[in-house]
């Protein structure tokens, strides 16, 4: 995950968390809420606007709003908007029919391509609405170890 992808996701999550109707949020307000540097955030928001994920309004009371409902925006769309296609490295395509110029190259290129595809699919499974719910403490999955579960059972059992 790049810094741009992280910052873009944080900025849109902030817009989703503070969406009050169609009132735009200024870049300054987003920067203050998220702790992101405003000049860099401006560049990222322009890229997100170009990708059709946000809309902007100029002038007094201007700023940015989400272009679609949070339930229709996935993390992979956000990351791809600022970083391009989601891949694990920029190594090119595996050679066809095992014709590789270096030992192990085709095997590893195939693995890296699979990793990128899994990463894209995983990010596709999360919407901005999911992130809003998680940040508000709703629907957050908890992992409990067997040891913790045993201790809990001992505390609850008579």
C-alpha atoms as a PDB file:
ATOM      1  CA  UNK A   1       0.000   0.000   0.000  1.00  0.00           C
ATOM      2  CA  UNK A   2       1.391   3.369  -0.964  1.00  0.00           C
ATOM      3  CA  UNK A   3       1.177   6.549   1.078  1.00  0.00           C
ATOM      4  CA  UNK A   4      -1.057   8.033  -1.626  1.00  0.00           C
ATOM      5  CA  UNK A   5      -3.461   5.084  -1.388  1.00  0.00           C
ATOM      6  CA  UNK A   6      -3.552   5.331   2.397  1.00  0.00           C
ATOM      7  CA  UNK A   7      -4.081   9.106   2.371  1.00  0.00           C
ATOM      8  CA  UNK A   8      -6.806   8.861  -0.282  1.00  0.00           C
ATOM      9  CA  UNK A   9      -8.629   6.220   1.759  1.00  0.00           C
ATOM     10  CA  UNK A  10      -8.343   8.300   4.930  1.00  0.00           C
ATOM     11  CA  UNK A  11      -9.602  11.431   3.169  1.00  0.00           C
ATOM     12  CA  UNK A  12     -12.649   9.690   1.710  1.00  0.00           C
ATOM     13  CA  UNK A  13     -13.371   7.980   5.016  1.00  0.00           C
ATOM     14  CA  UNK A  14     -13.348  11.414   6.641  1.00  0.00           C
ATOM     15  CA  UNK A  15     -15.796  12.700   4.021  1.00  0.00           C
ATOM     16  CA  UNK A  16     -18.032   9.679   4.618  1.00  0.00           C
ATOM     17  CA  UNK A  17     -17.887  10.022   8.412  1.00  0.00           C
ATOM     18  CA  UNK A  18     -18.802  13.698   8.313  1.00  0.00           C
ATOM     19  CA  UNK A  19     -21.237  13.700   5.395  1.00  0.00           C
ATOM     20  CA  UNK A  20     -24.063  16.001   6.356  1.00  0.00           C
ATOM     21  CA  UNK A  21     -26.233  16.190   3.289  1.00  0.00           C
ATOM     22  CA  UNK A  22     -24.429  17.538   0.266  1.00  0.00           C
ATOM     23  CA  UNK A  23     -22.469  20.228   2.120  1.00  0.00           C
ATOM     24  CA  UNK A  24     -18.861  20.227   0.873  1.00  0.00           C
ATOM     25  CA  UNK A  25     -15.928  19.822   3.242  1.00  0.00           C
ATOM     26  CA  UNK A  26     -12.886  22.027   2.758  1.00  0.00           C
ATOM     27  CA  UNK A  27      -9.452  20.533   2.183  1.00  0.00           C
ATOM     28  CA  UNK A  28      -8.309  22.344   5.331  1.00  0.00           C
ATOM     29  CA  UNK A  29     -10.991  20.603   7.426  1.00  0.00           C
ATOM     30  CA  UNK A  30     -10.124  17.190   5.980  1.00  0.00           C
ATOM     31  CA  UNK A  31      -6.426  17.820   6.637  1.00  0.00           C
ATOM     32  CA  UNK A  32      -7.097  18.863  10.238  1.00  0.00           C
ATOM     33  CA  UNK A  33      -9.343  15.855  10.964  1.00  0.00           C
ATOM     34  CA  UNK A  34      -7.019  13.309   9.396  1.00  0.00           C
ATOM     35  CA  UNK A  35      -3.644  14.835  10.249  1.00  0.00           C
ATOM     36  CA  UNK A  36      -2.646  14.732   6.569  1.00  0.00           C
ATOM     37  CA  UNK A  37      -0.493  17.455   4.974  1.00  0.00           C
ATOM     38  CA  UNK A  38      -2.824  19.853   3.141  1.00  0.00           C
ATOM     39  CA  UNK A  39      -0.702  20.429  -0.023  1.00  0.00           C
ATOM     40  CA  UNK A  40      -0.338  16.679  -0.617  1.00  0.00           C
ATOM     41  CA  UNK A  41      -4.018  16.117   0.203  1.00  0.00           C
ATOM     42  CA  UNK A  42      -4.999  18.694  -2.442  1.00  0.00           C
ATOM     43  CA  UNK A  43      -3.133  16.693  -5.099  1.00  0.00           C
ATOM     44  CA  UNK A  44      -4.760  13.458  -3.968  1.00  0.00           C
ATOM     45  CA  UNK A  45      -8.253  14.973  -3.995  1.00  0.00           C
ATOM     46  CA  UNK A  46      -7.678  16.228  -7.538  1.00  0.00           C
ATOM     47  CA  UNK A  47      -6.786  12.676  -8.605  1.00  0.00           C
ATOM     48  CA  UNK A  48      -9.895  11.345  -6.850  1.00  0.00           C
ATOM     49  CA  UNK A  49     -11.985  13.986  -8.610  1.00  0.00           C
ATOM     50  CA  UNK A  50     -10.484  12.970 -11.950  1.00  0.00           C
ATOM     51  CA  UNK A  51     -11.461   9.366 -11.214  1.00  0.00           C
ATOM     52  CA  UNK A  52     -15.040  10.445 -10.437  1.00  0.00           C
ATOM     53  CA  UNK A  53     -14.935   9.482  -6.754  1.00  0.00           C
ATOM     54  CA  UNK A  54     -15.443  13.010  -5.399  1.00  0.00           C
ATOM     55  CA  UNK A  55     -17.004  16.235  -6.654  1.00  0.00           C
ATOM     56  CA  UNK A  56     -15.818  19.699  -5.776  1.00  0.00           C
ATOM     57  CA  UNK A  57     -17.397  23.099  -5.334  1.00  0.00           C
ATOM     58  CA  UNK A  58     -15.377  26.287  -5.588  1.00  0.00           C
ATOM     59  CA  UNK A  59     -15.732  29.485  -3.618  1.00  0.00           C
ATOM     60  CA  UNK A  60     -17.137  30.288  -0.201  1.00  0.00           C
ATOM     61  CA  UNK A  61     -18.549  27.139   1.374  1.00  0.00           C
ATOM     62  CA  UNK A  62     -16.718  25.074  -1.216  1.00  0.00           C
ATOM     63  CA  UNK A  63     -14.859  21.852  -0.809  1.00  0.00           C
ATOM     64  CA  UNK A  64     -15.350  18.184  -1.610  1.00  0.00           C
ATOM     65  CA  UNK A  65     -18.192  15.672  -1.354  1.00  0.00           C
ATOM     66  CA  UNK A  66     -18.353  12.013  -2.284  1.00  0.00           C
ATOM     67  CA  UNK A  67     -19.567  11.510  -5.848  1.00  0.00           C
ATOM     68  CA  UNK A  68     -21.338   8.257  -4.907  1.00  0.00           C
ATOM     69  CA  UNK A  69     -22.744   6.725  -1.734  1.00  0.00           C
ATOM     70  CA  UNK A  70     -20.103   5.122   0.534  1.00  0.00           C
ATOM     71  CA  UNK A  71     -21.681   1.708  -0.106  1.00  0.00           C
ATOM     72  CA  UNK A  72     -20.699   2.030  -3.778  1.00  0.00           C
ATOM     73  CA  UNK A  73     -17.045   2.949  -3.224  1.00  0.00           C
ATOM     74  CA  UNK A  74     -14.543   0.155  -2.585  1.00  0.00           C
ATOM     75  CA  UNK A  75     -11.068   0.495  -1.172  1.00  0.00           C
ATOM     76  CA  UNK A  76      -9.660  -0.935  -4.399  1.00  0.00           C
ATOM     77  CA  UNK A  77     -11.356   1.848  -6.411  1.00  0.00           C
ATOM     78  CA  UNK A  78      -9.877   4.473  -4.104  1.00  0.00           C
ATOM     79  CA  UNK A  79      -6.354   3.032  -4.197  1.00  0.00           C
ATOM     80  CA  UNK A  80      -6.482   2.471  -7.969  1.00  0.00           C
ATOM     81  CA  UNK A  81      -7.617   6.071  -8.507  1.00  0.00           C
ATOM     82  CA  UNK A  82      -4.394   7.449  -7.042  1.00  0.00           C
ATOM     83  CA  UNK A  83      -1.918   4.603  -7.639  1.00  0.00           C
ATOM     84  CA  UNK A  84      -3.089   2.940 -10.824  1.00  0.00           C
ATOM     85  CA  UNK A  85      -3.700  -0.808 -11.057  1.00  0.00           C
ATOM     86  CA  UNK A  86      -3.166  -2.787  -7.856  1.00  0.00           C
ATOM     87  CA  UNK A  87      -0.155  -5.035  -8.371  1.00  0.00           C
ATOM     88  CA  UNK A  88       2.520  -6.556  -6.153  1.00  0.00           C
ATOM     89  CA  UNK A  89       5.552  -4.893  -7.737  1.00  0.00           C
ATOM     90  CA  UNK A  90       6.186  -3.774 -11.285  1.00  0.00           C
ATOM     91  CA  UNK A  91       7.893  -6.842 -12.668  1.00  0.00           C
ATOM     92  CA  UNK A  92       6.058  -7.357 -15.947  1.00  0.00           C
ATOM     93  CA  UNK A  93       4.277 -10.430 -17.206  1.00  0.00           C
ATOM     94  CA  UNK A  94       5.640 -13.960 -16.954  1.00  0.00           C
ATOM     95  CA  UNK A  95       7.068 -15.284 -20.195  1.00  0.00           C
ATOM     96  CA  UNK A  96       4.869 -17.716 -22.056  1.00  0.00           C
ATOM     97  CA  UNK A  97       5.627 -21.444 -22.251  1.00  0.00           C
ATOM     98  CA  UNK A  98       8.328 -21.294 -19.582  1.00  0.00           C
ATOM     99  CA  UNK A  99      10.765 -19.374 -21.776  1.00  0.00           C
ATOM    100  CA  UNK A 100      12.513 -17.332 -19.074  1.00  0.00           C
ATOM    101  CA  UNK A 101      15.795 -15.513 -19.380  1.00  0.00           C
ATOM    102  CA  UNK A 102      16.749 -15.921 -15.704  1.00  0.00           C
ATOM    103  CA  UNK A 103      16.471 -18.805 -13.269  1.00  0.00           C
ATOM    104  CA  UNK A 104      13.131 -18.845 -11.442  1.00  0.00           C
ATOM    105  CA  UNK A 105      11.906 -15.639 -13.048  1.00  0.00           C
ATOM    106  CA  UNK A 106       8.661 -17.012 -14.525  1.00  0.00           C
ATOM    107  CA  UNK A 107       7.691 -18.829 -11.345  1.00  0.00           C
ATOM    108  CA  UNK A 108       8.150 -15.750  -9.193  1.00  0.00           C
ATOM    109  CA  UNK A 109       6.463 -13.409 -11.677  1.00  0.00           C
ATOM    110  CA  UNK A 110       3.452 -15.701 -11.597  1.00  0.00           C
ATOM    111  CA  UNK A 111       3.393 -15.618  -7.785  1.00  0.00           C
ATOM    112  CA  UNK A 112       3.664 -11.805  -7.692  1.00  0.00           C
ATOM    113  CA  UNK A 113       0.787 -11.557 -10.177  1.00  0.00           C
ATOM    114  CA  UNK A 114      -1.310 -13.821  -7.920  1.00  0.00           C
ATOM    115  CA  UNK A 115      -0.449 -11.715  -4.861  1.00  0.00           C
ATOM    116  CA  UNK A 116      -1.569  -8.549  -6.666  1.00  0.00           C
ATOM    117  CA  UNK A 117      -4.839 -10.210  -7.708  1.00  0.00           C
ATOM    118  CA  UNK A 118      -5.549 -11.398  -4.148  1.00  0.00           C
ATOM    119  CA  UNK A 119      -4.790  -7.933  -2.809  1.00  0.00           C
ATOM    120  CA  UNK A 120      -7.149  -6.321  -5.351  1.00  0.00           C
ATOM    121  CA  UNK A 121      -9.924  -8.811  -4.547  1.00  0.00           C
ATOM    122  CA  UNK A 122      -9.462  -8.267  -0.810  1.00  0.00           C
ATOM    123  CA  UNK A 123      -9.659  -4.478  -1.164  1.00  0.00           C
ATOM    124  CA  UNK A 124     -12.696  -4.932  -3.434  1.00  0.00           C
ATOM    125  CA  UNK A 125     -14.457  -6.680  -0.547  1.00  0.00           C
ATOM    126  CA  UNK A 126     -14.447  -3.506   1.600  1.00  0.00           C
ATOM    127  CA  UNK A 127     -16.645  -0.505   0.896  1.00  0.00           C
ATOM    128  CA  UNK A 128     -16.308   2.928   2.381  1.00  0.00           C
ATOM    129  CA  UNK A 129     -19.581   2.214   4.205  1.00  0.00           C
ATOM    130  CA  UNK A 130     -17.882  -0.805   5.830  1.00  0.00           C
ATOM    131  CA  UNK A 131     -15.063   1.468   7.002  1.00  0.00           C
ATOM    132  CA  UNK A 132     -17.569   3.962   8.437  1.00  0.00           C
ATOM    133  CA  UNK A 133     -19.235   1.135  10.389  1.00  0.00           C
ATOM    134  CA  UNK A 134     -15.900  -0.157  11.659  1.00  0.00           C
ATOM    135  CA  UNK A 135     -14.720   3.265  12.750  1.00  0.00           C
ATOM    136  CA  UNK A 136     -17.957   3.731  14.669  1.00  0.00           C
ATOM    137  CA  UNK A 137     -17.421   0.391  16.408  1.00  0.00           C
ATOM    138  CA  UNK A 138     -20.067  -1.496  14.480  1.00  0.00           C
ATOM    139  CA  UNK A 139     -19.284  -4.811  12.857  1.00  0.00           C
ATOM    140  CA  UNK A 140     -15.677  -4.959  13.942  1.00  0.00           C
ATOM    141  CA  UNK A 141     -14.399  -8.510  13.910  1.00  0.00           C
ATOM    142  CA  UNK A 142     -12.474  -9.584  16.981  1.00  0.00           C
ATOM    143  CA  UNK A 143      -9.883 -12.295  17.104  1.00  0.00           C
ATOM    144  CA  UNK A 144      -9.647 -14.199  20.364  1.00  0.00           C
ATOM    145  CA  UNK A 145      -6.827 -16.640  21.043  1.00  0.00           C
ATOM    146  CA  UNK A 146      -7.489 -20.088  22.516  1.00  0.00           C
ATOM    147  CA  UNK A 147      -5.660 -19.039  25.708  1.00  0.00           C
ATOM    148  CA  UNK A 148      -7.838 -15.939  26.070  1.00  0.00           C
ATOM    149  CA  UNK A 149     -10.955 -18.038  25.450  1.00  0.00           C
ATOM    150  CA  UNK A 150      -9.870 -20.564  28.116  1.00  0.00           C
ATOM    151  CA  UNK A 151      -9.268 -17.743  30.628  1.00  0.00           C
ATOM    152  CA  UNK A 152     -12.665 -16.228  29.808  1.00  0.00           C
ATOM    153  CA  UNK A 153     -14.395 -19.593  30.261  1.00  0.00           C
ATOM    154  CA  UNK A 154     -12.649 -20.096  33.628  1.00  0.00           C
ATOM    155  CA  UNK A 155     -13.781 -16.643  34.771  1.00  0.00           C
ATOM    156  CA  UNK A 156     -17.388 -17.244  33.736  1.00  0.00           C
ATOM    157  CA  UNK A 157     -17.642 -20.887  34.907  1.00  0.00           C
ATOM    158  CA  UNK A 158     -18.712 -21.488  38.553  1.00  0.00           C
END
